[in-house]
Amino acid sequence: MNDYWCIPSKEDADFVACMEDVLDVYELPYDPMYPVVCMDEKPYQLLDDVRQPLPVRPGDNQKTDSEYKRNGTCSIFAFVEPLGGRHHVGVHEHCTAIDWAMEIKYLSDEMFPDAKKIILVMDNLNTHKAASLYKAFPPSEARRIIKRLKIHYTPKHGSWLDMAEIELNVMTRQCLSRRISTLDKLKCELSAWEMERNRDTAKIQWHFQTGDAREKLISLYPTLSSVTF
């Protein structure tokens, strides 16, 4: 929840509407035919050692020199089904519309090919649009994929409402808190991490509900004039 304290400083009806929409999604009961999936992405810098680390000794941590070499950047796409415990990580050299579209096709056809509708929660990045699928696939294919999705966007300054951000934080602690020098090595490491997460059917329990929002974030809700309903 990196930007929790970046929520609007005053009432914001747009924020509230998006927030309550996402919170309603999180209260849906688990249904494998209508899986709720959260998606997020992050940049990652590939780093290599300039000097070889010292050999690890029993009972001691590896000694790594502070100097490092930059080997470029890439983008990591993370998908998590909080209630079903399904996970997927994709690594791309870039984070273009086409990269996102390829990951969405994987979500549709590989992760949940039998689902009637995939309920997708993500932030409103400019590439996270139906239009991106038309940049990657023929119109009939783009439309086929879009029709399998029901998209819910988190509000601006509300990425903490995306459970895939929790997934990325776990990934960083367990897999990325060290230097990884090449794209191939990163893909290999994250593939192994993904397999372990799926093997463990790691789930996310979300506790923040609409009632909590209306109490703790009351300052974001518009003040209503006296109106008879």
C-alpha atoms as a PDB file:
ATOM      1  CA  MET A   1       0.000   0.000   0.000  1.00  0.00           C
ATOM      2  CA  ASN A   2       2.716   2.421  -1.006  1.00  0.00           C
ATOM      3  CA  ASP A   3       0.511   5.396  -1.808  1.00  0.00           C
ATOM      4  CA  TYR A   4      -2.016   5.066   1.030  1.00  0.00           C
ATOM      5  CA  TRP A   5      -1.063   8.474   2.386  1.00  0.00           C
ATOM      6  CA  CYS A   6      -1.280   9.959  -1.129  1.00  0.00           C
ATOM      7  CA  ILE A   7      -5.076   9.757  -1.080  1.00  0.00           C
ATOM      8  CA  PRO A   8      -6.828  13.065  -1.860  1.00  0.00           C
ATOM      9  CA  SER A   9      -6.558  15.700   0.855  1.00  0.00           C
ATOM     10  CA  LYS A  10     -10.175  16.783   0.407  1.00  0.00           C
ATOM     11  CA  GLU A  11     -13.498  15.355  -0.693  1.00  0.00           C
ATOM     12  CA  ASP A  12     -13.329  13.581  -4.035  1.00  0.00           C
ATOM     13  CA  ALA A  13     -16.450  11.939  -5.438  1.00  0.00           C
ATOM     14  CA  ASP A  14     -14.525  10.276  -8.288  1.00  0.00           C
ATOM     15  CA  PHE A  15     -12.147   8.616  -5.833  1.00  0.00           C
ATOM     16  CA  VAL A  16     -15.013   7.472  -3.616  1.00  0.00           C
ATOM     17  CA  ALA A  17     -17.016   6.032  -6.521  1.00  0.00           C
ATOM     18  CA  CYS A  18     -14.065   3.990  -7.839  1.00  0.00           C
ATOM     19  CA  MET A  19     -13.075   2.900  -4.341  1.00  0.00           C
ATOM     20  CA  GLU A  20     -16.533   1.624  -3.421  1.00  0.00           C
ATOM     21  CA  ASP A  21     -16.812  -0.134  -6.782  1.00  0.00           C
ATOM     22  CA  VAL A  22     -13.588  -2.057  -6.124  1.00  0.00           C
ATOM     23  CA  LEU A  23     -14.555  -2.813  -2.529  1.00  0.00           C
ATOM     24  CA  ASP A  24     -17.855  -4.277  -3.771  1.00  0.00           C
ATOM     25  CA  VAL A  25     -15.849  -6.583  -6.059  1.00  0.00           C
ATOM     26  CA  TYR A  26     -13.736  -7.768  -3.121  1.00  0.00           C
ATOM     27  CA  GLU A  27     -16.879  -8.787  -1.231  1.00  0.00           C
ATOM     28  CA  LEU A  28     -18.019 -11.145  -3.984  1.00  0.00           C
ATOM     29  CA  PRO A  29     -18.023 -14.832  -2.953  1.00  0.00           C
ATOM     30  CA  TYR A  30     -15.529 -17.099  -4.672  1.00  0.00           C
ATOM     31  CA  ASP A  31     -16.801 -18.411  -7.996  1.00  0.00           C
ATOM     32  CA  PRO A  32     -14.358 -20.242 -10.315  1.00  0.00           C
ATOM     33  CA  MET A  33     -16.561 -19.338 -13.288  1.00  0.00           C
ATOM     34  CA  TYR A  34     -16.226 -15.638 -12.437  1.00  0.00           C
ATOM     35  CA  PRO A  35     -12.711 -15.322 -10.981  1.00  0.00           C
ATOM     36  CA  VAL A  36     -11.665 -12.002  -9.467  1.00  0.00           C
ATOM     37  CA  VAL A  37      -8.121 -11.227 -10.592  1.00  0.00           C
ATOM     38  CA  CYS A  38      -5.915  -8.270  -9.628  1.00  0.00           C
ATOM     39  CA  MET A  39      -3.161  -7.029 -11.926  1.00  0.00           C
ATOM     40  CA  ASP A  40      -0.262  -4.620 -11.411  1.00  0.00           C
ATOM     41  CA  GLU A  41       3.136  -3.972 -12.967  1.00  0.00           C
ATOM     42  CA  LYS A  42       6.439  -2.548 -11.822  1.00  0.00           C
ATOM     43  CA  PRO A  43       9.731  -1.538 -13.441  1.00  0.00           C
ATOM     44  CA  TYR A  44      12.789  -3.511 -12.450  1.00  0.00           C
ATOM     45  CA  GLN A  45      16.456  -2.604 -12.847  1.00  0.00           C
ATOM     46  CA  LEU A  46      18.855  -5.384 -13.810  1.00  0.00           C
ATOM     47  CA  LEU A  47      22.082  -5.137 -11.812  1.00  0.00           C
ATOM     48  CA  ASP A  48      25.331  -7.084 -11.965  1.00  0.00           C
ATOM     49  CA  ASP A  49      28.251  -7.303  -9.550  1.00  0.00           C
ATOM     50  CA  VAL A  50      31.474  -5.506 -10.476  1.00  0.00           C
ATOM     51  CA  ARG A  51      33.408  -7.645  -7.990  1.00  0.00           C
ATOM     52  CA  GLN A  52      32.477 -11.228  -7.241  1.00  0.00           C
ATOM     53  CA  PRO A  53      30.796 -11.684  -3.839  1.00  0.00           C
ATOM     54  CA  LEU A  54      32.818 -13.481  -1.204  1.00  0.00           C
ATOM     55  CA  PRO A  55      31.950 -17.177  -0.733  1.00  0.00           C
ATOM     56  CA  VAL A  56      29.188 -17.854   1.776  1.00  0.00           C
ATOM     57  CA  ARG A  57      30.366 -19.283   5.081  1.00  0.00           C
ATOM     58  CA  PRO A  58      28.192 -21.362   7.435  1.00  0.00           C
ATOM     59  CA  GLY A  59      26.147 -19.110   9.691  1.00  0.00           C
ATOM     60  CA  ASP A  60      27.067 -15.931   7.809  1.00  0.00           C
ATOM     61  CA  ASN A  61      25.489 -13.829   5.072  1.00  0.00           C
ATOM     62  CA  GLN A  62      27.017 -13.453   1.642  1.00  0.00           C
ATOM     63  CA  LYS A  63      29.365 -10.471   1.416  1.00  0.00           C
ATOM     64  CA  THR A  64      28.540  -8.316  -1.619  1.00  0.00           C
ATOM     65  CA  ASP A  65      30.445  -5.226  -2.697  1.00  0.00           C
ATOM     66  CA  SER A  66      28.431  -1.999  -2.841  1.00  0.00           C
ATOM     67  CA  GLU A  67      29.596  -1.242  -6.387  1.00  0.00           C
ATOM     68  CA  TYR A  68      27.378  -2.589  -9.159  1.00  0.00           C
ATOM     69  CA  LYS A  69      26.824  -2.410 -12.907  1.00  0.00           C
ATOM     70  CA  ARG A  70      23.521  -1.391 -14.485  1.00  0.00           C
ATOM     71  CA  ASN A  71      22.276  -3.767 -17.195  1.00  0.00           C
ATOM     72  CA  GLY A  72      19.117  -1.927 -18.186  1.00  0.00           C
ATOM     73  CA  THR A  73      15.526  -2.118 -17.063  1.00  0.00           C
ATOM     74  CA  CYS A  74      12.485  -4.263 -17.744  1.00  0.00           C
ATOM     75  CA  SER A  75       8.869  -4.525 -16.657  1.00  0.00           C
ATOM     76  CA  ILE A  76       7.241  -7.130 -14.405  1.00  0.00           C
ATOM     77  CA  PHE A  77       3.521  -7.883 -14.752  1.00  0.00           C
ATOM     78  CA  ALA A  78       1.844  -9.612 -11.800  1.00  0.00           C
ATOM     79  CA  PHE A  79      -1.569 -11.292 -11.691  1.00  0.00           C
ATOM     80  CA  VAL A  80      -3.145 -12.771  -8.573  1.00  0.00           C
ATOM     81  CA  GLU A  81      -6.518 -14.393  -7.914  1.00  0.00           C
ATOM     82  CA  PRO A  82      -6.838 -13.569  -4.194  1.00  0.00           C
ATOM     83  CA  LEU A  83      -9.547 -16.093  -3.309  1.00  0.00           C
ATOM     84  CA  GLY A  84      -8.471 -18.889  -5.656  1.00  0.00           C
ATOM     85  CA  GLY A  85      -4.734 -18.672  -5.036  1.00  0.00           C
ATOM     86  CA  ARG A  86      -3.762 -18.532  -8.725  1.00  0.00           C
ATOM     87  CA  HIS A  87      -0.659 -16.527  -9.667  1.00  0.00           C
ATOM     88  CA  HIS A  88       1.150 -15.445 -12.815  1.00  0.00           C
ATOM     89  CA  VAL A  89       4.213 -13.296 -13.439  1.00  0.00           C
ATOM     90  CA  GLY A  90       5.255 -12.003 -16.849  1.00  0.00           C
ATOM     91  CA  VAL A  91       8.558 -10.280 -17.648  1.00  0.00           C
ATOM     92  CA  HIS A  92       8.980  -8.006 -20.673  1.00  0.00           C
ATOM     93  CA  GLU A  93      11.742  -5.730 -21.882  1.00  0.00           C
ATOM     94  CA  HIS A  94       9.240  -2.884 -22.063  1.00  0.00           C
ATOM     95  CA  CYS A  95       5.817  -1.921 -20.697  1.00  0.00           C
ATOM     96  CA  THR A  96       4.049  -0.978 -23.918  1.00  0.00           C
ATOM     97  CA  ALA A  97       0.406  -1.449 -24.809  1.00  0.00           C
ATOM     98  CA  ILE A  98       1.338  -4.570 -26.752  1.00  0.00           C
ATOM     99  CA  ASP A  99       3.194  -6.061 -23.772  1.00  0.00           C
ATOM    100  CA  TRP A 100       0.119  -5.552 -21.618  1.00  0.00           C
ATOM    101  CA  ALA A 101      -2.144  -7.006 -24.320  1.00  0.00           C
ATOM    102  CA  MET A 102      -0.027 -10.155 -24.539  1.00  0.00           C
ATOM    103  CA  GLU A 103      -0.347 -10.643 -20.785  1.00  0.00           C
ATOM    104  CA  ILE A 104      -4.113 -10.142 -20.921  1.00  0.00           C
ATOM    105  CA  LYS A 105      -4.380 -12.792 -23.642  1.00  0.00           C
ATOM    106  CA  TYR A 106      -2.435 -15.162 -21.355  1.00  0.00           C
ATOM    107  CA  LEU A 107      -4.825 -14.328 -18.508  1.00  0.00           C
ATOM    108  CA  SER A 108      -7.803 -15.125 -20.732  1.00  0.00           C
ATOM    109  CA  ASP A 109      -6.627 -18.182 -22.621  1.00  0.00           C
ATOM    110  CA  GLU A 110      -4.083 -19.849 -20.340  1.00  0.00           C
ATOM    111  CA  MET A 111      -5.046 -18.983 -16.780  1.00  0.00           C
ATOM    112  CA  PHE A 112      -8.841 -19.026 -17.045  1.00  0.00           C
ATOM    113  CA  PRO A 113      -9.862 -20.514 -20.404  1.00  0.00           C
ATOM    114  CA  ASP A 114     -13.108 -21.974 -19.006  1.00  0.00           C
ATOM    115  CA  ALA A 115     -14.288 -18.936 -17.039  1.00  0.00           C
ATOM    116  CA  LYS A 116     -17.520 -17.304 -18.149  1.00  0.00           C
ATOM    117  CA  LYS A 117     -16.196 -13.850 -17.225  1.00  0.00           C
ATOM    118  CA  ILE A 118     -12.919 -12.673 -15.689  1.00  0.00           C
ATOM    119  CA  ILE A 119     -13.382  -9.813 -13.232  1.00  0.00           C
ATOM    120  CA  LEU A 120     -10.182  -7.771 -13.519  1.00  0.00           C
ATOM    121  CA  VAL A 121      -9.078  -5.109 -11.021  1.00  0.00           C
ATOM    122  CA  MET A 122      -6.174  -2.832 -11.989  1.00  0.00           C
ATOM    123  CA  ASP A 123      -5.040   0.781 -12.057  1.00  0.00           C
ATOM    124  CA  ASN A 124      -6.014   3.165 -14.820  1.00  0.00           C
ATOM    125  CA  LEU A 125      -2.630   3.341 -16.582  1.00  0.00           C
ATOM    126  CA  ASN A 126      -2.856   4.604 -20.156  1.00  0.00           C
ATOM    127  CA  THR A 127      -1.868   1.183 -21.567  1.00  0.00           C
ATOM    128  CA  HIS A 128      -4.420  -0.705 -19.456  1.00  0.00           C
ATOM    129  CA  LYS A 129      -7.183  -0.144 -21.988  1.00  0.00           C
ATOM    130  CA  ALA A 130      -9.233  -2.196 -24.415  1.00  0.00           C
ATOM    131  CA  ALA A 131      -7.592  -0.170 -27.184  1.00  0.00           C
ATOM    132  CA  SER A 132      -4.261  -1.845 -26.405  1.00  0.00           C
ATOM    133  CA  LEU A 133      -5.666  -5.202 -27.511  1.00  0.00           C
ATOM    134  CA  TYR A 134      -6.469  -3.743 -30.930  1.00  0.00           C
ATOM    135  CA  LYS A 135      -2.830  -2.669 -31.225  1.00  0.00           C
ATOM    136  CA  ALA A 136      -1.683  -6.250 -30.677  1.00  0.00           C
ATOM    137  CA  PHE A 137      -4.322  -8.433 -32.353  1.00  0.00           C
ATOM    138  CA  PRO A 138      -6.759  -8.464 -35.280  1.00  0.00           C
ATOM    139  CA  PRO A 139     -10.126  -6.838 -34.413  1.00  0.00           C
ATOM    140  CA  SER A 140     -11.981 -10.140 -34.044  1.00  0.00           C
ATOM    141  CA  GLU A 141      -9.357 -11.479 -31.617  1.00  0.00           C
ATOM    142  CA  ALA A 142      -9.180  -8.240 -29.653  1.00  0.00           C
ATOM    143  CA  ARG A 143     -12.949  -8.185 -29.296  1.00  0.00           C
ATOM    144  CA  ARG A 144     -13.067 -11.839 -28.255  1.00  0.00           C
ATOM    145  CA  ILE A 145     -10.656 -11.173 -25.379  1.00  0.00           C
ATOM    146  CA  ILE A 146     -12.388  -7.973 -24.299  1.00  0.00           C
ATOM    147  CA  LYS A 147     -15.743  -9.748 -24.077  1.00  0.00           C
ATOM    148  CA  ARG A 148     -14.238 -12.194 -21.572  1.00  0.00           C
ATOM    149  CA  LEU A 149     -13.338  -9.350 -19.184  1.00  0.00           C
ATOM    150  CA  LYS A 150     -15.198  -7.130 -16.758  1.00  0.00           C
ATOM    151  CA  ILE A 151     -12.755  -4.400 -15.761  1.00  0.00           C
ATOM    152  CA  HIS A 152     -12.824  -2.378 -12.541  1.00  0.00           C
ATOM    153  CA  TYR A 153     -10.284   0.433 -12.177  1.00  0.00           C
ATOM    154  CA  THR A 154      -8.818   1.608  -8.896  1.00  0.00           C
ATOM    155  CA  PRO A 155      -9.037   5.393  -8.380  1.00  0.00           C
ATOM    156  CA  LYS A 156      -6.166   7.762  -8.989  1.00  0.00           C
ATOM    157  CA  HIS A 157      -3.940   7.704  -5.881  1.00  0.00           C
ATOM    158  CA  GLY A 158      -5.685   4.476  -4.922  1.00  0.00           C
ATOM    159  CA  SER A 159      -3.293   1.758  -6.085  1.00  0.00           C
ATOM    160  CA  TRP A 160      -3.312   0.486  -2.476  1.00  0.00           C
ATOM    161  CA  LEU A 161      -6.776  -0.850  -3.353  1.00  0.00           C
ATOM    162  CA  ASP A 162      -5.209  -3.232  -5.886  1.00  0.00           C
ATOM    163  CA  MET A 163      -4.302  -6.515  -4.196  1.00  0.00           C
ATOM    164  CA  ALA A 164      -1.715  -7.152  -6.905  1.00  0.00           C
ATOM    165  CA  GLU A 165       0.353  -4.480  -5.173  1.00  0.00           C
ATOM    166  CA  ILE A 166       0.473  -6.792  -2.153  1.00  0.00           C
ATOM    167  CA  GLU A 167       1.612  -9.556  -4.499  1.00  0.00           C
ATOM    168  CA  LEU A 168       4.423  -7.350  -5.830  1.00  0.00           C
ATOM    169  CA  ASN A 169       5.530  -6.509  -2.288  1.00  0.00           C
ATOM    170  CA  VAL A 170       5.721 -10.222  -1.416  1.00  0.00           C
ATOM    171  CA  MET A 171       7.614 -10.877  -4.642  1.00  0.00           C
ATOM    172  CA  THR A 172      10.122  -8.143  -3.849  1.00  0.00           C
ATOM    173  CA  ARG A 173      10.807  -9.506  -0.373  1.00  0.00           C
ATOM    174  CA  GLN A 174      11.053 -13.144  -1.387  1.00  0.00           C
ATOM    175  CA  CYS A 175      12.692 -12.957  -4.803  1.00  0.00           C
ATOM    176  CA  LEU A 176      13.875  -9.510  -5.895  1.00  0.00           C
ATOM    177  CA  SER A 177      15.751  -8.186  -2.859  1.00  0.00           C
ATOM    178  CA  ARG A 178      19.112  -8.957  -4.486  1.00  0.00           C
ATOM    179  CA  ARG A 179      20.954  -8.262  -7.699  1.00  0.00           C
ATOM    180  CA  ILE A 180      19.744 -10.059 -10.809  1.00  0.00           C
ATOM    181  CA  SER A 181      21.899  -9.353 -13.822  1.00  0.00           C
ATOM    182  CA  THR A 182      20.030 -10.531 -16.941  1.00  0.00           C
ATOM    183  CA  LEU A 183      16.497 -10.725 -18.277  1.00  0.00           C
ATOM    184  CA  ASP A 184      16.764 -14.492 -18.735  1.00  0.00           C
ATOM    185  CA  LYS A 185      17.896 -14.988 -15.168  1.00  0.00           C
ATOM    186  CA  LEU A 186      15.063 -12.790 -13.893  1.00  0.00           C
ATOM    187  CA  LYS A 187      12.524 -14.807 -15.890  1.00  0.00           C
ATOM    188  CA  CYS A 188      13.941 -18.030 -14.482  1.00  0.00           C
ATOM    189  CA  GLU A 189      13.876 -16.786 -10.887  1.00  0.00           C
ATOM    190  CA  LEU A 190      10.333 -15.420 -11.157  1.00  0.00           C
ATOM    191  CA  SER A 191       9.098 -18.573 -12.882  1.00  0.00           C
ATOM    192  CA  ALA A 192      10.322 -20.612  -9.912  1.00  0.00           C
ATOM    193  CA  TRP A 193       8.707 -18.130  -7.506  1.00  0.00           C
ATOM    194  CA  GLU A 194       5.429 -18.323  -9.428  1.00  0.00           C
ATOM    195  CA  MET A 195       5.449 -22.122  -9.304  1.00  0.00           C
ATOM    196  CA  GLU A 196       5.939 -22.036  -5.543  1.00  0.00           C
ATOM    197  CA  ARG A 197       3.113 -19.531  -5.047  1.00  0.00           C
ATOM    198  CA  ASN A 198       0.755 -21.663  -7.144  1.00  0.00           C
ATOM    199  CA  ARG A 199       1.859 -24.856  -5.409  1.00  0.00           C
ATOM    200  CA  ASP A 200       1.050 -23.282  -2.045  1.00  0.00           C
ATOM    201  CA  THR A 201      -2.224 -21.815  -3.384  1.00  0.00           C
ATOM    202  CA  ALA A 202      -1.211 -18.583  -1.653  1.00  0.00           C
ATOM    203  CA  LYS A 203      -4.296 -16.441  -1.049  1.00  0.00           C
ATOM    204  CA  ILE A 204      -4.863 -12.877   0.091  1.00  0.00           C
ATOM    205  CA  GLN A 205      -7.394 -12.014   2.786  1.00  0.00           C
ATOM    206  CA  TRP A 206      -8.769  -8.498   2.295  1.00  0.00           C
ATOM    207  CA  HIS A 207     -10.382  -6.901   5.358  1.00  0.00           C
ATOM    208  CA  PHE A 208     -10.980  -3.254   4.374  1.00  0.00           C
ATOM    209  CA  GLN A 209     -14.660  -2.958   3.423  1.00  0.00           C
ATOM    210  CA  THR A 210     -17.054  -0.199   2.384  1.00  0.00           C
ATOM    211  CA  GLY A 211     -18.171   0.391   5.958  1.00  0.00           C
ATOM    212  CA  ASP A 212     -14.550   0.936   6.980  1.00  0.00           C
ATOM    213  CA  ALA A 213     -14.046   3.401   4.121  1.00  0.00           C
ATOM    214  CA  ARG A 214     -17.109   5.429   5.084  1.00  0.00           C
ATOM    215  CA  GLU A 215     -15.816   5.699   8.633  1.00  0.00           C
ATOM    216  CA  LYS A 216     -12.049   6.082   8.219  1.00  0.00           C
ATOM    217  CA  LEU A 217     -12.046   8.053   4.965  1.00  0.00           C
ATOM    218  CA  ILE A 218     -15.135  10.135   5.638  1.00  0.00           C
ATOM    219  CA  SER A 219     -13.276  13.319   4.645  1.00  0.00           C
ATOM    220  CA  LEU A 220     -13.232  12.099   1.031  1.00  0.00           C
ATOM    221  CA  TYR A 221     -17.013  11.855   0.824  1.00  0.00           C
ATOM    222  CA  PRO A 222     -18.843  14.904  -0.500  1.00  0.00           C
ATOM    223  CA  THR A 223     -20.812  16.899   2.046  1.00  0.00           C
ATOM    224  CA  LEU A 224     -24.453  16.794   1.040  1.00  0.00           C
ATOM    225  CA  SER A 225     -26.843  19.680   1.350  1.00  0.00           C
ATOM    226  CA  SER A 226     -30.229  19.084   2.921  1.00  0.00           C
ATOM    227  CA  VAL A 227     -32.076  17.030   0.349  1.00  0.00           C
ATOM    228  CA  THR A 228     -35.269  15.040   0.725  1.00  0.00           C
ATOM    229  CA  PHE A 229     -34.909  11.544  -0.723  1.00  0.00           C
END
